[in-house]
Amino acid sequence: MLLSRLTKTVPIIGQLRDYDRGKLGRDLIAAIVVTIMLIPQSLAYAMLAGLPPEVGLYASILPLVAYAIFGSCKTLAVGPVAIASLMTASALSVVTEQGIVGYVEGAMLLALLSGGFLLLLGILRLGFLSHFLSHSVVAGFITASGLVIALSQLKHILGIPASGHNFFELVQSIFASVTQFNKYTLALGIGSLGFLVWARRGAPRLLELCGVQADLAKVLAKVAPVIGVVATTIIVAGFALDLRGVDIVGAIPTGIPALQLPGISMDAVKALALPAMLISIIGYVESVSVGKTLSAKRREKIDGNQELIGLGAANLASGISAGFPVTGGFARSVVNFDAGAETQLAGIFTAIGITLAALFLTPLLHYLPVAMLAATIIVAVLSLVNIAIFREAWRFSKSDFSAMLITVAMTLYLGVEIGVASGIVTSILLHLYHTSEPHIAEIGLLQDSHHFRNIKHFEVETNSAIVSLRIDESLLFSNAGYLEDYIDNLLIDRPQVKHIILHCGAINGIDLSALEMLEQQNTRMREQSKQLHLSELKVPVKAQLDKVGFIDRLTGSLFLSHYDAYKSISNSLGR
């Protein structure tokens, strides 16, 4: 029992139970591939967050170890990602302008707050809260953020000064400065973009022609950015392009930082608390969706609440090691999976690889052009932009399309924080809207059967003195008034109705507001010498109503099946 609880809290213990040399080899290979991929990504995402490039490496060491210990997905690779980096930059630009906190300290504090929030949700087992963020809103936010990120990096491709807090300000700033482009930077940027785009499709085919297996070719193609980093660094250093206006990374400190807490003030905590919560929610949704996809391929399950604890621990680790908010990354997780990772030891081996890079390889990155890192970001985030989903949403659900459009518009026009906040609010409002007007169908008996269907769509048997209503939603405070008005109007319009049977097969719960509505409706029908009946009531719902004695006060009867109810009442009317 104790071991089982410990394994649930620290999932890596269970992963190591039957660990052998074969799994070790596969974990090591996956770690090498992911390490090579993660080095340029970490530098690029740190730059996107507005931080020194080495901070990206720091955020890819201890967080990997922390998640490896507490995370439930065996192949999820945690680290800096594009969306979280953009949201970090957005949050810090405001508080640092006001002088509340320094930029690097602010990033560390943001990671600590995000980690604490995720950990609290995990301990309280509140992972279900992420379900209130609808897929349409998340898709809209990610698409809009991808466009903002790609546009924000265009200045590095052109070698021009440009700034802006939203998509339209960035467009205006870029157009105003486009004539000042640096031809050497532009050549490096366009060349890097072309190479990275080609590498996604052309590199696997080339490797297959060279005799490499198809699966391995796809994995090796993912580390193409490293080739771009090496090539562009050599070009800049060899032709001294830094002296011709090409921006380079410059000197990167060697080594890893000592563990420490950032300077914490209540003003800084208040200013960053909301952004930290938003980063946590979006990061968790993104991470869990990736984890579920990968785990399903191996018929494994992940624990949503344990993921909160794993990601919380990862962010806390990032906060004390000079990092910034992290989450599970899609691209690196897929590479980790495809490279054959068996357990989260692959993540620990990757952390060791990044540590070695921070200790010994950083001097080699001095002449790395910023344009190459910008190209890496652009190619990565454009894969997140999904325009086709708008067409699909329009065809499937106008309300989902509206939510998506609102989220995109708010993100592009007012920035990522307000965009994601509006997305969350829109998701909740959509949920309330859908539950506030539940689908209520008047049903009748199909000929020669015991089945009831909507009278609008089928030829069915009905009785003018009986109305059968099927409520396709649980009865809650948000929709109790709607059902009450529906029944009242029905009785006014059709005074010949003596019996109303509520088909309760789709009702999974009744709250106090709905109970009060049923009590009042039952009383009004008694005063009118009419009867309210219930059919196919689920056991837990019946138990709720029994506790307060509502079934005993019911003017009509409780029936096991709707057919029994309809036939019994029809026969009584006949008699």
Protein backbone atom coordinates (compact mmCIF):
# COMPACT_ATOMS: atom_id res chain seq x y z
CA MET A 1 0.00 0.00 0.00
CA LEU A 2 2.78 2.44 0.95
CA LEU A 3 4.74 1.63 -2.22
CA SER A 4 1.62 2.11 -4.32
CA ARG A 5 0.99 5.56 -2.85
CA LEU A 6 4.63 6.51 -3.27
CA THR A 7 4.58 5.35 -6.90
CA LYS A 8 1.49 7.47 -7.55
CA THR A 9 3.15 10.55 -6.03
CA VAL A 10 6.55 9.88 -7.60
CA PRO A 11 5.72 8.08 -10.89
CA ILE A 12 9.36 7.57 -11.88
CA ILE A 13 9.63 4.86 -9.20
CA GLY A 14 7.12 2.75 -11.12
CA GLN A 15 8.93 3.43 -14.42
CA LEU A 16 12.18 2.07 -13.00
CA ARG A 17 10.70 -1.18 -11.65
CA ASP A 18 11.56 -3.26 -14.71
CA TYR A 19 14.27 -1.00 -16.10
CA ASP A 20 16.89 -2.86 -18.14
CA ARG A 21 19.83 -2.27 -20.45
CA GLY A 22 17.58 -2.07 -23.53
CA LYS A 23 15.49 0.73 -22.07
CA LEU A 24 18.64 2.51 -20.92
CA GLY A 25 20.02 2.50 -24.45
CA ARG A 26 16.80 3.85 -25.94
CA ASP A 27 16.56 6.57 -23.28
CA LEU A 28 20.17 7.63 -23.94
CA ILE A 29 19.62 7.85 -27.73
CA ALA A 30 16.44 9.89 -27.23
CA ALA A 31 18.25 12.18 -24.79
CA ILE A 32 21.08 12.85 -27.25
CA VAL A 33 18.64 13.71 -30.05
CA VAL A 34 16.50 15.97 -27.83
CA THR A 35 19.59 17.69 -26.36
CA ILE A 36 20.86 18.58 -29.83
CA MET A 37 17.42 19.90 -30.75
CA LEU A 38 16.89 21.73 -27.46
CA ILE A 39 20.07 23.83 -27.47
CA PRO A 40 19.08 26.19 -30.32
CA GLN A 41 15.41 26.10 -29.22
CA SER A 42 16.30 27.14 -25.68
CA LEU A 43 18.40 30.05 -26.90
CA ALA A 44 15.67 31.14 -29.31
CA TYR A 45 12.83 31.01 -26.79
CA ALA A 46 14.86 32.93 -24.21
CA MET A 47 15.35 35.63 -26.86
CA LEU A 48 11.59 35.57 -27.56
CA ALA A 49 10.95 36.10 -23.84
CA GLY A 50 13.32 39.08 -23.91
CA LEU A 51 15.89 37.31 -21.74
CA PRO A 52 19.62 36.63 -22.23
CA PRO A 53 20.09 33.44 -24.33
CA GLU A 54 21.77 31.48 -21.53
CA VAL A 55 18.56 31.71 -19.48
CA GLY A 56 16.99 29.35 -22.02
CA LEU A 57 19.63 26.75 -21.18
CA TYR A 58 19.07 27.22 -17.44
CA ALA A 59 15.33 26.67 -17.94
CA SER A 60 16.11 23.36 -19.65
CA ILE A 61 18.06 21.69 -16.84
CA LEU A 62 16.41 21.47 -13.41
CA PRO A 63 12.83 21.67 -14.76
CA LEU A 64 13.50 18.51 -16.79
CA VAL A 65 14.70 16.73 -13.66
CA ALA A 66 11.76 17.92 -11.55
CA TYR A 67 9.20 16.83 -14.13
CA ALA A 68 10.99 13.51 -14.61
CA ILE A 69 10.46 12.76 -10.92
CA PHE A 70 6.86 13.94 -10.53
CA GLY A 71 5.34 13.89 -14.05
CA SER A 72 3.07 11.05 -15.15
CA CYS A 73 3.80 11.05 -18.91
CA LYS A 74 6.85 8.95 -19.78
CA THR A 75 7.76 10.80 -22.97
CA LEU A 76 6.75 14.44 -22.36
CA ALA A 77 9.76 16.78 -22.72
CA VAL A 78 9.48 19.90 -20.59
CA GLY A 79 11.23 23.21 -21.26
CA PRO A 80 10.76 26.68 -22.75
CA VAL A 81 8.00 26.90 -25.39
CA ALA A 82 6.93 29.65 -27.77
CA ILE A 83 3.54 30.60 -26.27
CA ALA A 84 4.79 30.71 -22.66
CA SER A 85 7.84 32.72 -23.78
CA LEU A 86 5.66 35.28 -25.54
CA MET A 87 3.37 35.56 -22.51
CA THR A 88 6.44 35.98 -20.29
CA ALA A 89 7.71 38.84 -22.45
CA SER A 90 4.26 40.45 -22.43
CA ALA A 91 3.96 40.26 -18.64
CA LEU A 92 7.49 41.45 -17.90
CA SER A 93 7.44 44.36 -20.35
CA VAL A 94 4.75 46.04 -18.25
CA VAL A 95 6.18 45.52 -14.75
CA THR A 96 9.76 46.32 -15.73
CA GLU A 97 8.72 49.56 -17.42
CA GLN A 98 7.13 50.58 -14.14
CA GLY A 99 10.34 49.70 -12.28
CA ILE A 100 8.60 47.17 -10.03
CA VAL A 101 11.14 44.39 -10.64
CA GLY A 102 14.20 43.62 -12.79
CA TYR A 103 13.69 41.60 -15.98
CA VAL A 104 15.58 38.43 -15.03
CA GLU A 105 14.29 38.50 -11.44
CA GLY A 106 10.79 39.05 -12.80
CA ALA A 107 11.12 35.98 -15.03
CA MET A 108 12.23 33.87 -12.06
CA LEU A 109 9.36 35.17 -9.93
CA LEU A 110 6.92 34.46 -12.76
CA ALA A 111 8.14 30.84 -12.87
CA LEU A 112 7.80 30.51 -9.09
CA LEU A 113 4.27 31.90 -9.09
CA SER A 114 3.29 29.66 -12.00
CA GLY A 115 4.78 26.65 -10.23
CA GLY A 116 3.04 27.46 -6.97
CA PHE A 117 -0.31 27.92 -8.70
CA LEU A 118 0.00 24.61 -10.60
CA LEU A 119 1.14 22.77 -7.48
CA LEU A 120 -1.82 24.12 -5.50
CA LEU A 121 -4.26 23.00 -8.20
CA GLY A 122 -2.63 19.56 -8.23
CA ILE A 123 -2.77 19.12 -4.46
CA LEU A 124 -6.43 20.19 -4.42
CA ARG A 125 -7.07 17.89 -7.44
CA LEU A 126 -8.56 20.69 -9.52
CA GLY A 127 -7.27 19.54 -12.90
CA PHE A 128 -10.85 19.50 -14.19
CA LEU A 129 -10.83 23.33 -14.25
CA SER A 130 -8.86 23.22 -17.50
CA HIS A 131 -11.94 21.68 -19.14
CA PHE A 132 -13.62 25.08 -18.99
CA LEU A 133 -11.14 26.28 -21.60
CA SER A 134 -12.78 25.08 -24.80
CA HIS A 135 -10.82 23.67 -27.72
CA SER A 136 -12.05 26.43 -30.01
CA VAL A 137 -10.72 29.13 -27.67
CA VAL A 138 -7.36 27.40 -27.23
CA ALA A 139 -7.02 26.89 -30.99
CA GLY A 140 -7.88 30.54 -31.63
CA PHE A 141 -5.44 31.79 -29.01
CA ILE A 142 -2.58 29.60 -30.24
CA THR A 143 -3.17 30.60 -33.87
CA ALA A 144 -3.25 34.31 -33.02
CA SER A 145 -0.20 34.00 -30.76
CA GLY A 146 1.67 32.16 -33.50
CA LEU A 147 1.03 35.07 -35.88
CA VAL A 148 2.15 37.61 -33.27
CA ILE A 149 5.31 35.64 -32.50
CA ALA A 150 6.22 35.19 -36.17
CA LEU A 151 5.69 38.89 -36.87
CA SER A 152 7.71 39.92 -33.80
CA GLN A 153 10.69 37.95 -35.14
CA LEU A 154 10.53 39.47 -38.62
CA LYS A 155 12.57 42.44 -37.44
CA HIS A 156 15.48 40.10 -36.70
CA ILE A 157 15.21 38.58 -40.18
CA LEU A 158 15.33 42.06 -41.75
CA GLY A 159 17.79 43.56 -39.30
CA ILE A 160 15.59 46.57 -38.52
CA PRO A 161 14.40 48.26 -35.32
CA ALA A 162 10.71 47.56 -34.67
CA SER A 163 8.50 47.27 -31.63
CA GLY A 164 4.86 47.04 -30.61
CA HIS A 165 2.58 45.55 -27.97
CA ASN A 166 0.17 43.94 -30.43
CA PHE A 167 -0.05 42.60 -33.96
CA PHE A 168 -1.13 45.88 -35.57
CA GLU A 169 1.50 47.99 -33.80
CA LEU A 170 4.14 45.52 -34.98
CA VAL A 171 2.90 45.72 -38.58
CA GLN A 172 2.98 49.53 -38.50
CA SER A 173 6.46 49.60 -36.93
CA ILE A 174 7.89 47.09 -39.44
CA PHE A 175 6.48 48.97 -42.43
CA ALA A 176 7.91 52.23 -41.09
CA SER A 177 11.44 50.74 -40.82
CA VAL A 178 11.50 48.18 -43.65
CA THR A 179 13.67 50.37 -45.90
CA GLN A 180 16.44 50.27 -43.28
CA PHE A 181 17.01 46.53 -43.69
CA ASN A 182 20.52 45.08 -43.47
CA LYS A 183 21.32 43.08 -46.61
CA TYR A 184 23.68 40.67 -44.80
CA THR A 185 21.13 40.02 -42.04
CA LEU A 186 18.38 39.56 -44.63
CA ALA A 187 20.49 37.06 -46.58
CA LEU A 188 21.21 35.05 -43.43
CA GLY A 189 17.58 35.24 -42.29
CA ILE A 190 16.04 34.21 -45.62
CA GLY A 191 18.66 31.48 -46.04
CA SER A 192 17.96 30.14 -42.55
CA LEU A 193 14.20 30.18 -43.12
CA GLY A 194 14.55 28.40 -46.44
CA PHE A 195 16.83 25.75 -44.98
CA LEU A 196 14.58 25.07 -41.98
CA VAL A 197 11.43 24.87 -44.11
CA TRP A 198 13.18 22.50 -46.54
CA ALA A 199 14.52 20.40 -43.65
CA ARG A 200 10.98 19.58 -42.51
CA ARG A 201 10.13 17.75 -45.74
CA GLY A 202 13.20 17.53 -47.90
CA ALA A 203 15.69 16.33 -45.28
CA PRO A 204 13.81 13.08 -44.44
CA ARG A 205 13.61 12.19 -48.14
CA LEU A 206 17.30 12.92 -48.65
CA LEU A 207 18.26 10.79 -45.67
CA GLU A 208 16.05 7.94 -46.92
CA LEU A 209 17.82 8.10 -50.29
CA CYS A 210 21.09 7.78 -48.38
CA GLY A 211 19.86 4.52 -46.83
CA VAL A 212 18.54 5.80 -43.50
CA GLN A 213 15.33 4.16 -42.24
CA ALA A 214 12.21 6.31 -42.67
CA ASP A 215 11.44 6.66 -38.93
CA LEU A 216 15.04 7.53 -38.07
CA ALA A 217 15.19 9.99 -40.98
CA LYS A 218 12.21 11.89 -39.58
CA VAL A 219 13.84 12.11 -36.15
CA LEU A 220 17.21 13.26 -37.54
CA ALA A 221 15.48 15.91 -39.65
CA LYS A 222 14.19 17.49 -36.42
CA VAL A 223 17.74 18.40 -35.38
CA ALA A 224 18.35 20.36 -38.60
CA PRO A 225 18.41 23.67 -36.66
CA VAL A 226 21.74 22.60 -35.17
CA ILE A 227 23.22 22.38 -38.68
CA GLY A 228 21.84 25.85 -39.37
CA VAL A 229 23.35 27.17 -36.13
CA VAL A 230 26.79 25.77 -36.97
CA ALA A 231 26.72 26.95 -40.60
CA THR A 232 25.52 30.51 -39.90
CA THR A 233 27.92 30.90 -36.97
CA ILE A 234 30.87 29.92 -39.19
CA ILE A 235 29.69 32.29 -41.93
CA VAL A 236 29.37 35.26 -39.55
CA ALA A 237 32.72 34.56 -37.89
CA GLY A 238 34.54 33.88 -41.18
CA PHE A 239 33.34 37.04 -42.96
CA ALA A 240 33.23 39.25 -39.84
CA LEU A 241 29.60 40.06 -40.57
CA ASP A 242 29.11 41.30 -37.03
CA LEU A 243 31.16 44.32 -38.08
CA ARG A 244 28.70 44.90 -40.95
CA GLY A 245 25.62 45.26 -38.80
CA VAL A 246 24.61 41.64 -38.29
CA ASP A 247 23.31 41.14 -34.74
CA ILE A 248 24.94 38.22 -32.94
CA VAL A 249 24.28 36.49 -29.65
CA GLY A 250 27.63 37.64 -28.27
CA ALA A 251 29.33 36.40 -25.16
CA ILE A 252 27.33 33.79 -23.25
CA PRO A 253 28.44 33.11 -19.66
CA THR A 254 29.93 29.67 -19.14
CA GLY A 255 28.59 27.51 -16.34
CA ILE A 256 25.30 27.18 -14.50
CA PRO A 257 23.88 29.56 -11.91
CA ALA A 258 23.75 28.88 -8.19
CA LEU A 259 20.33 28.05 -6.82
CA GLN A 260 18.70 31.16 -5.42
CA LEU A 261 15.39 32.91 -4.90
CA PRO A 262 14.74 36.17 -6.73
CA GLY A 263 14.15 39.37 -4.79
CA ILE A 264 10.47 39.19 -3.92
CA SER A 265 8.30 42.21 -3.18
CA MET A 266 4.55 42.28 -2.69
CA ASP A 267 4.20 44.81 -5.50
CA ALA A 268 5.93 42.42 -7.91
CA VAL A 269 3.83 39.48 -6.72
CA LYS A 270 0.60 41.45 -7.20
CA ALA A 271 1.66 42.60 -10.67
CA LEU A 272 2.68 39.12 -11.87
CA ALA A 273 0.08 36.93 -10.13
CA LEU A 274 -2.55 37.11 -12.88
CA PRO A 275 -0.07 36.64 -15.78
CA ALA A 276 1.39 33.65 -13.90
CA MET A 277 -2.06 32.08 -13.60
CA LEU A 278 -2.77 32.60 -17.31
CA ILE A 279 0.61 31.15 -18.32
CA SER A 280 -0.04 28.17 -16.03
CA ILE A 281 -3.48 27.44 -17.47
CA ILE A 282 -2.42 27.68 -21.12
CA GLY A 283 0.79 25.73 -20.44
CA TYR A 284 -1.12 22.99 -18.62
CA VAL A 285 -3.72 22.63 -21.39
CA GLU A 286 -0.98 22.49 -24.06
CA SER A 287 1.12 20.04 -22.07
CA VAL A 288 -1.74 17.67 -21.19
CA SER A 289 -3.00 17.59 -24.77
CA VAL A 290 0.50 16.60 -25.97
CA GLY A 291 0.90 14.07 -23.15
CA LYS A 292 -2.46 12.43 -23.83
CA THR A 293 -1.70 12.15 -27.54
CA LEU A 294 1.67 10.47 -26.99
CA SER A 295 0.49 8.23 -24.15
CA ALA A 296 -2.47 6.99 -26.19
CA LYS A 297 -0.09 5.68 -28.85
CA ARG A 298 1.37 3.32 -26.25
CA ARG A 299 -1.96 2.61 -24.56
CA GLU A 300 -0.83 4.39 -21.42
CA LYS A 301 -2.71 6.88 -19.27
CA ILE A 302 -1.64 10.12 -17.70
CA ASP A 303 -3.03 11.58 -14.49
CA GLY A 304 -4.20 15.17 -15.00
CA ASN A 305 -3.76 16.09 -11.33
CA GLN A 306 -0.30 14.51 -11.21
CA GLU A 307 0.58 16.51 -14.33
CA LEU A 308 -0.27 19.67 -12.40
CA ILE A 309 2.16 18.60 -9.68
CA GLY A 310 4.85 17.65 -12.22
CA LEU A 311 4.57 20.92 -14.13
CA GLY A 312 4.36 22.86 -10.87
CA ALA A 313 7.57 21.25 -9.65
CA ALA A 314 9.24 21.98 -13.02
CA ASN A 315 8.36 25.68 -12.80
CA LEU A 316 9.47 25.95 -9.19
CA ALA A 317 12.78 24.37 -10.22
CA SER A 318 13.07 26.87 -13.06
CA GLY A 319 12.36 29.76 -10.71
CA ILE A 320 15.20 28.89 -8.33
CA SER A 321 17.71 28.20 -11.14
CA ALA A 322 17.50 31.55 -12.98
CA GLY A 323 14.94 30.25 -15.50
CA PHE A 324 11.46 31.31 -16.63
CA PRO A 325 8.07 29.56 -17.05
CA VAL A 326 8.21 26.18 -18.80
CA THR A 327 5.77 23.52 -19.96
CA GLY A 328 5.63 20.41 -22.15
CA GLY A 329 6.70 21.24 -25.71
CA PHE A 330 4.98 19.59 -28.67
CA ALA A 331 7.92 19.36 -31.09
CA ARG A 332 10.53 18.11 -28.62
CA SER A 333 8.08 15.68 -27.01
CA VAL A 334 7.29 14.15 -30.40
CA VAL A 335 11.02 13.86 -31.14
CA ASN A 336 11.58 12.30 -27.72
CA PHE A 337 8.79 9.79 -28.42
CA ASP A 338 9.93 9.00 -31.98
CA ALA A 339 13.54 8.59 -30.83
CA GLY A 340 12.40 5.74 -28.58
CA ALA A 341 12.32 7.24 -25.06
CA GLU A 342 10.99 4.65 -22.64
CA THR A 343 10.95 6.52 -19.32
CA GLN A 344 11.51 9.95 -17.84
CA LEU A 345 15.15 9.02 -17.31
CA ALA A 346 15.52 10.29 -20.88
CA GLY A 347 14.57 13.74 -19.51
CA ILE A 348 17.22 13.49 -16.80
CA PHE A 349 19.84 12.47 -19.38
CA THR A 350 18.76 15.45 -21.52
CA ALA A 351 19.24 17.75 -18.53
CA ILE A 352 22.77 16.38 -18.14
CA GLY A 353 23.41 17.07 -21.84
CA ILE A 354 22.20 20.68 -21.55
CA THR A 355 24.38 21.12 -18.45
CA LEU A 356 27.45 19.99 -20.39
CA ALA A 357 26.52 22.40 -23.19
CA ALA A 358 26.24 25.28 -20.68
CA LEU A 359 29.61 24.36 -19.20
CA PHE A 360 31.63 23.81 -22.36
CA LEU A 361 29.87 24.86 -25.58
CA THR A 362 28.67 28.41 -24.93
CA PRO A 363 31.92 30.10 -26.10
CA LEU A 364 31.35 28.52 -29.54
CA LEU A 365 28.03 30.36 -29.86
CA HIS A 366 29.51 33.87 -29.68
CA TYR A 367 29.02 34.59 -33.41
CA LEU A 368 25.62 32.90 -33.70
CA PRO A 369 23.41 35.36 -35.63
CA VAL A 370 20.15 36.39 -34.03
CA ALA A 371 18.53 35.98 -37.46
CA MET A 372 19.08 32.21 -37.23
CA LEU A 373 17.32 32.03 -33.86
CA ALA A 374 14.48 34.16 -35.22
CA ALA A 375 14.11 31.79 -38.17
CA THR A 376 13.98 28.84 -35.74
CA ILE A 377 11.13 30.52 -33.84
CA ILE A 378 9.18 31.49 -36.98
CA VAL A 379 9.28 28.00 -38.47
CA ALA A 380 8.33 26.43 -35.13
CA VAL A 381 5.35 28.70 -34.40
CA LEU A 382 3.92 28.79 -37.92
CA SER A 383 3.24 25.07 -37.53
CA LEU A 384 0.90 26.06 -34.69
CA VAL A 385 -1.14 28.36 -36.92
CA ASN A 386 -4.24 26.46 -38.01
CA ILE A 387 -6.39 28.51 -40.40
CA ALA A 388 -8.37 25.47 -41.53
CA ILE A 389 -9.93 25.11 -38.08
CA PHE A 390 -11.85 28.35 -38.64
CA ARG A 391 -13.58 26.88 -41.68
CA GLU A 392 -14.31 23.70 -39.75
CA ALA A 393 -15.73 25.66 -36.79
CA TRP A 394 -17.91 27.76 -39.09
CA ARG A 395 -19.43 24.63 -40.60
CA PHE A 396 -19.84 22.78 -37.33
CA SER A 397 -20.81 25.38 -34.71
CA LYS A 398 -21.38 29.11 -35.13
CA SER A 399 -21.00 29.67 -31.38
CA ASP A 400 -17.58 27.96 -31.34
CA PHE A 401 -16.58 30.00 -34.39
CA SER A 402 -17.65 33.20 -32.61
CA ALA A 403 -15.62 32.27 -29.52
CA MET A 404 -12.60 31.54 -31.68
CA LEU A 405 -12.96 34.81 -33.58
CA ILE A 406 -13.30 36.84 -30.37
CA THR A 407 -10.18 35.21 -28.91
CA VAL A 408 -8.15 35.82 -32.08
CA ALA A 409 -9.28 39.44 -32.36
CA MET A 410 -8.56 40.22 -28.69
CA THR A 411 -5.14 38.53 -28.87
CA LEU A 412 -4.12 40.36 -32.04
CA TYR A 413 -5.47 43.75 -31.01
CA LEU A 414 -4.98 43.89 -27.22
CA GLY A 415 -2.16 41.40 -26.61
CA VAL A 416 -1.74 37.85 -25.37
CA GLU A 417 -2.75 38.35 -21.73
CA ILE A 418 -6.08 39.98 -22.53
CA GLY A 419 -6.47 37.49 -25.38
CA VAL A 420 -6.19 34.43 -23.17
CA ALA A 421 -8.27 36.07 -20.41
CA SER A 422 -11.02 36.85 -22.92
CA GLY A 423 -10.76 33.27 -24.16
CA ILE A 424 -11.33 31.89 -20.67
CA VAL A 425 -14.26 34.25 -20.06
CA THR A 426 -15.71 33.34 -23.48
CA SER A 427 -15.40 29.62 -22.68
CA ILE A 428 -17.30 30.05 -19.40
CA LEU A 429 -19.96 32.24 -21.02
CA LEU A 430 -20.40 29.67 -23.80
CA HIS A 431 -20.83 26.93 -21.21
CA LEU A 432 -23.42 28.99 -19.34
CA TYR A 433 -25.18 29.83 -22.60
CA HIS A 434 -25.41 26.19 -23.66
CA THR A 435 -26.72 25.13 -20.24
CA SER A 436 -29.07 28.12 -19.81
CA GLU A 437 -31.30 27.06 -22.69
CA PRO A 438 -31.30 23.26 -22.63
CA HIS A 439 -32.77 21.39 -25.55
CA ILE A 440 -36.34 20.44 -24.59
CA ALA A 441 -38.10 18.05 -26.96
CA GLU A 442 -41.79 17.23 -26.91
CA ILE A 443 -41.87 13.51 -27.64
CA GLY A 444 -44.42 10.94 -28.77
CA LEU A 445 -44.65 7.16 -29.12
CA LEU A 446 -43.37 5.59 -32.32
CA GLN A 447 -45.88 3.21 -33.84
CA ASP A 448 -45.45 -0.49 -32.91
CA SER A 449 -42.61 0.25 -30.46
CA HIS A 450 -41.78 1.38 -26.94
CA HIS A 451 -39.61 4.26 -28.21
CA PHE A 452 -40.33 7.97 -28.02
CA ARG A 453 -39.06 10.57 -30.49
CA ASN A 454 -39.37 14.31 -31.14
CA ILE A 455 -42.80 15.11 -32.57
CA LYS A 456 -41.19 17.64 -34.95
CA HIS A 457 -39.15 14.98 -36.74
CA PHE A 458 -41.21 11.78 -36.52
CA GLU A 459 -44.77 10.61 -37.00
CA VAL A 460 -45.72 9.60 -33.47
CA GLU A 461 -48.72 8.88 -31.28
CA THR A 462 -49.68 11.65 -28.80
CA ASN A 463 -52.55 12.42 -26.45
CA SER A 464 -53.98 15.95 -26.23
CA ALA A 465 -54.25 15.69 -22.43
CA ILE A 466 -50.64 14.49 -22.00
CA VAL A 467 -47.39 16.25 -22.83
CA SER A 468 -44.13 14.31 -22.70
CA LEU A 469 -41.02 16.50 -22.38
CA ARG A 470 -37.45 15.24 -22.66
CA ILE A 471 -34.89 17.57 -21.06
CA ASP A 472 -31.46 16.98 -22.57
CA GLU A 473 -29.44 18.61 -19.81
CA SER A 474 -28.95 18.48 -16.05
CA LEU A 475 -31.20 20.90 -14.14
CA LEU A 476 -29.12 23.73 -12.67
CA PHE A 477 -29.50 27.31 -11.50
CA SER A 478 -28.59 28.48 -15.00
CA ASN A 479 -31.49 26.74 -16.76
CA ALA A 480 -34.16 26.21 -14.10
CA GLY A 481 -35.95 29.43 -15.07
CA TYR A 482 -35.94 28.46 -18.75
CA LEU A 483 -37.70 25.11 -18.04
CA GLU A 484 -40.17 26.82 -15.69
CA ASP A 485 -41.13 29.38 -18.35
CA TYR A 486 -41.39 26.64 -20.97
CA ILE A 487 -43.89 24.63 -18.90
CA ASP A 488 -45.88 27.71 -17.83
CA ASN A 489 -46.27 28.90 -21.42
CA LEU A 490 -47.21 25.40 -22.56
CA LEU A 491 -50.01 25.17 -19.96
CA ILE A 492 -51.32 28.63 -20.92
CA ASP A 493 -51.33 27.85 -24.65
CA ARG A 494 -52.84 24.36 -24.20
CA PRO A 495 -55.34 24.41 -21.33
CA GLN A 496 -56.55 20.90 -22.25
CA VAL A 497 -53.26 19.41 -20.97
CA LYS A 498 -53.80 17.60 -17.64
CA HIS A 499 -50.53 15.66 -17.32
CA ILE A 500 -46.91 16.58 -17.95
CA ILE A 501 -44.36 13.77 -17.95
CA LEU A 502 -40.70 14.82 -17.65
CA HIS A 503 -38.42 12.27 -19.32
CA CYS A 504 -35.36 12.52 -17.03
CA GLY A 505 -33.01 10.07 -18.75
CA ALA A 506 -30.50 12.83 -19.65
CA ILE A 507 -30.62 14.55 -16.26
CA ASN A 508 -27.44 13.72 -14.31
CA GLY A 509 -27.96 16.18 -11.47
CA ILE A 510 -30.37 18.68 -9.93
CA ASP A 511 -29.18 21.61 -7.83
CA LEU A 512 -31.08 23.55 -5.16
CA SER A 513 -32.34 26.24 -7.56
CA ALA A 514 -33.76 23.60 -9.90
CA LEU A 515 -35.32 21.76 -6.97
CA GLU A 516 -37.06 24.96 -5.87
CA MET A 517 -38.37 25.42 -9.42
CA LEU A 518 -39.76 21.87 -9.47
CA GLU A 519 -41.43 22.41 -6.09
CA GLN A 520 -43.13 25.60 -7.30
CA GLN A 521 -44.17 23.99 -10.59
CA ASN A 522 -45.55 21.00 -8.74
CA THR A 523 -47.55 23.30 -6.42
CA ARG A 524 -48.98 25.35 -9.30
CA MET A 525 -50.07 22.22 -11.15
CA ARG A 526 -51.79 20.89 -8.01
CA GLU A 527 -53.70 24.16 -7.73
CA GLN A 528 -54.82 23.72 -11.37
CA SER A 529 -55.81 20.08 -10.78
CA LYS A 530 -53.04 18.93 -13.07
CA GLN A 531 -50.26 16.41 -12.44
CA LEU A 532 -46.48 16.40 -12.87
CA HIS A 533 -44.88 12.98 -13.48
CA LEU A 534 -41.24 11.87 -13.70
CA SER A 535 -39.89 8.96 -15.76
CA GLU A 536 -36.54 7.20 -16.13
CA LEU A 537 -35.04 9.10 -13.21
CA LYS A 538 -31.46 8.03 -12.51
CA VAL A 539 -30.73 6.49 -9.11
CA PRO A 540 -28.38 9.26 -7.83
CA VAL A 541 -30.88 11.95 -8.89
CA LYS A 542 -33.77 10.04 -7.29
CA ALA A 543 -31.72 9.77 -4.09
CA GLN A 544 -31.32 13.57 -4.11
CA LEU A 545 -35.06 14.11 -4.44
CA ASP A 546 -35.87 11.43 -1.84
CA LYS A 547 -33.69 13.20 0.75
CA VAL A 548 -35.91 16.27 0.68
CA GLY A 549 -39.18 14.35 0.28
CA PHE A 550 -40.00 15.75 -3.18
CA ILE A 551 -41.07 12.37 -4.57
CA ASP A 552 -43.67 12.04 -1.79
CA ARG A 553 -45.05 15.51 -2.60
CA LEU A 554 -45.19 14.86 -6.34
CA THR A 555 -48.68 15.47 -7.75
CA GLY A 556 -48.21 12.63 -10.20
CA SER A 557 -46.13 9.44 -10.14
CA LEU A 558 -42.60 8.22 -10.65
CA PHE A 559 -42.23 5.69 -13.50
CA LEU A 560 -39.35 3.38 -14.34
CA SER A 561 -39.85 3.81 -18.09
CA HIS A 562 -41.45 6.53 -20.15
CA TYR A 563 -43.54 3.95 -22.02
CA ASP A 564 -45.05 2.78 -18.72
CA ALA A 565 -45.81 6.37 -17.79
CA TYR A 566 -47.49 7.22 -21.07
CA LYS A 567 -49.55 4.01 -21.24
CA SER A 568 -50.58 4.13 -17.57
CA ILE A 569 -51.79 7.74 -17.78
CA SER A 570 -53.48 7.15 -21.15
CA ASN A 571 -55.36 4.18 -19.75
CA SER A 572 -56.45 6.15 -16.68
CA LEU A 573 -57.79 8.92 -18.94
CA GLY A 574 -59.66 6.31 -20.98
CA ARG A 575 -61.27 4.90 -17.87
